[in-house]
Amino acid sequence: MSQSHHHKTLEQLFAHPTSHNIHWRDVVQLFESLGGTTEQTKHDHLKVRLSGHEMTFPIPRGGGHALQSDHEISAIRRFLKECGHAPTAHAH
């Protein structure tokens, strides 16, 4: 997948109003493209290690489906900010 696609996913995660057209598989690929490691746990969660931080996210039902909840997107957004990977306009 191209860097421009990962950049688009990152921008979607930080968009206001919140975009609900973000696919889980794109988020996983974004984490990995930023140098993160991902590991699926026994309980349908994804453990992500990125830039010295670690967080576990519930995997949306169906795995490839779009993220539906603002809470899911907010948690991913916060984690990316903590790891220093917010888009330039949203770094504060």
Protein backbone atom coordinates (compact mmCIF):
# COMPACT_ATOMS: atom_id res chain seq x y z
CA MET A 1 0.00 0.00 0.00
CA SER A 2 1.30 3.44 -0.85
CA GLN A 3 2.44 6.10 1.59
CA SER A 4 -0.22 8.42 0.18
CA HIS A 5 -2.92 5.91 1.18
CA HIS A 6 -1.50 5.74 4.73
CA HIS A 7 -1.38 9.55 4.83
CA LYS A 8 -5.04 9.65 3.76
CA THR A 9 -5.96 7.20 6.56
CA LEU A 10 -4.09 9.36 9.09
CA GLU A 11 -5.90 12.48 7.86
CA GLN A 12 -9.27 10.68 8.07
CA LEU A 13 -8.59 9.67 11.67
CA PHE A 14 -8.01 13.31 12.64
CA ALA A 15 -10.77 14.82 10.46
CA HIS A 16 -13.43 17.06 11.99
CA PRO A 17 -16.21 16.17 11.78
CA THR A 18 -15.16 12.59 12.42
CA SER A 19 -15.10 10.39 9.33
CA HIS A 20 -16.86 7.04 9.65
CA ASN A 21 -15.47 5.70 6.40
CA ILE A 22 -12.23 4.41 7.93
CA HIS A 23 -11.57 0.71 7.49
CA TRP A 24 -9.96 -1.25 10.31
CA ARG A 25 -7.49 -2.97 7.95
CA ASP A 26 -6.29 0.49 6.83
CA VAL A 27 -5.69 1.49 10.46
CA VAL A 28 -3.67 -1.70 11.08
CA GLN A 29 -1.62 -1.06 7.93
CA LEU A 30 -1.07 2.55 9.08
CA PHE A 31 0.31 1.39 12.44
CA GLU A 32 2.68 -0.98 10.63
CA SER A 33 3.75 1.64 8.07
CA LEU A 34 4.72 3.94 10.96
CA GLY A 35 7.05 1.24 12.29
CA GLY A 36 4.65 -0.32 14.76
CA THR A 37 4.12 -3.97 15.50
CA THR A 38 0.68 -5.51 15.79
CA GLU A 39 -0.41 -8.72 17.45
CA GLN A 40 -3.92 -10.15 17.65
CA THR A 41 -4.80 -11.42 21.13
CA LYS A 42 -7.01 -14.36 22.05
CA HIS A 43 -9.88 -12.02 22.90
CA ASP A 44 -10.28 -10.32 19.50
CA HIS A 45 -8.13 -7.35 20.42
CA LEU A 46 -5.11 -5.95 18.63
CA LYS A 47 -2.03 -5.10 20.67
CA VAL A 48 -0.07 -2.30 19.04
CA ARG A 49 3.48 -1.24 19.94
CA LEU A 50 4.57 2.04 18.37
CA SER A 51 7.27 4.57 19.26
CA GLY A 52 7.79 3.13 22.75
CA HIS A 53 4.05 3.07 23.53
CA GLU A 54 1.69 0.12 23.72
CA MET A 55 -2.09 -0.02 23.54
CA THR A 56 -4.70 -2.68 22.94
CA PHE A 57 -7.72 -1.98 20.76
CA PRO A 58 -10.85 -4.08 20.28
CA ILE A 59 -11.06 -5.41 16.73
CA PRO A 60 -14.34 -4.33 15.10
CA ARG A 61 -16.66 -7.19 14.25
CA GLY A 62 -15.80 -8.52 10.84
CA GLY A 63 -12.21 -7.24 11.01
CA GLY A 64 -12.30 -5.29 7.74
CA HIS A 65 -15.32 -3.19 8.47
CA ALA A 66 -15.38 0.54 8.84
CA LEU A 67 -14.95 1.98 12.33
CA GLN A 68 -18.40 2.96 13.56
CA SER A 69 -17.90 4.56 16.93
CA ASP A 70 -16.47 7.97 17.74
CA HIS A 71 -14.97 6.32 20.84
CA GLU A 72 -12.94 3.86 18.71
CA ILE A 73 -11.66 6.65 16.50
CA SER A 74 -10.87 8.89 19.50
CA ALA A 75 -8.85 6.12 21.16
CA ILE A 76 -6.81 5.57 17.98
CA ARG A 77 -6.36 9.34 17.57
CA ARG A 78 -5.11 9.73 21.17
CA PHE A 79 -2.68 6.83 20.77
CA LEU A 80 -1.24 8.27 17.56
CA LYS A 81 -0.83 11.68 19.22
CA GLU A 82 0.96 10.10 22.20
CA CYS A 83 3.29 8.34 19.77
CA GLY A 84 4.04 11.60 17.93
CA HIS A 85 2.23 10.66 14.74
CA ALA A 86 -0.53 13.27 14.52
CA PRO A 87 -0.73 15.14 11.22
CA THR A 88 1.13 18.47 11.43
CA ALA A 89 -2.06 20.54 11.71
CA HIS A 90 -3.24 18.41 14.66
CA ALA A 91 0.01 17.99 16.60
CA HIS A 92 -1.02 20.28 19.50
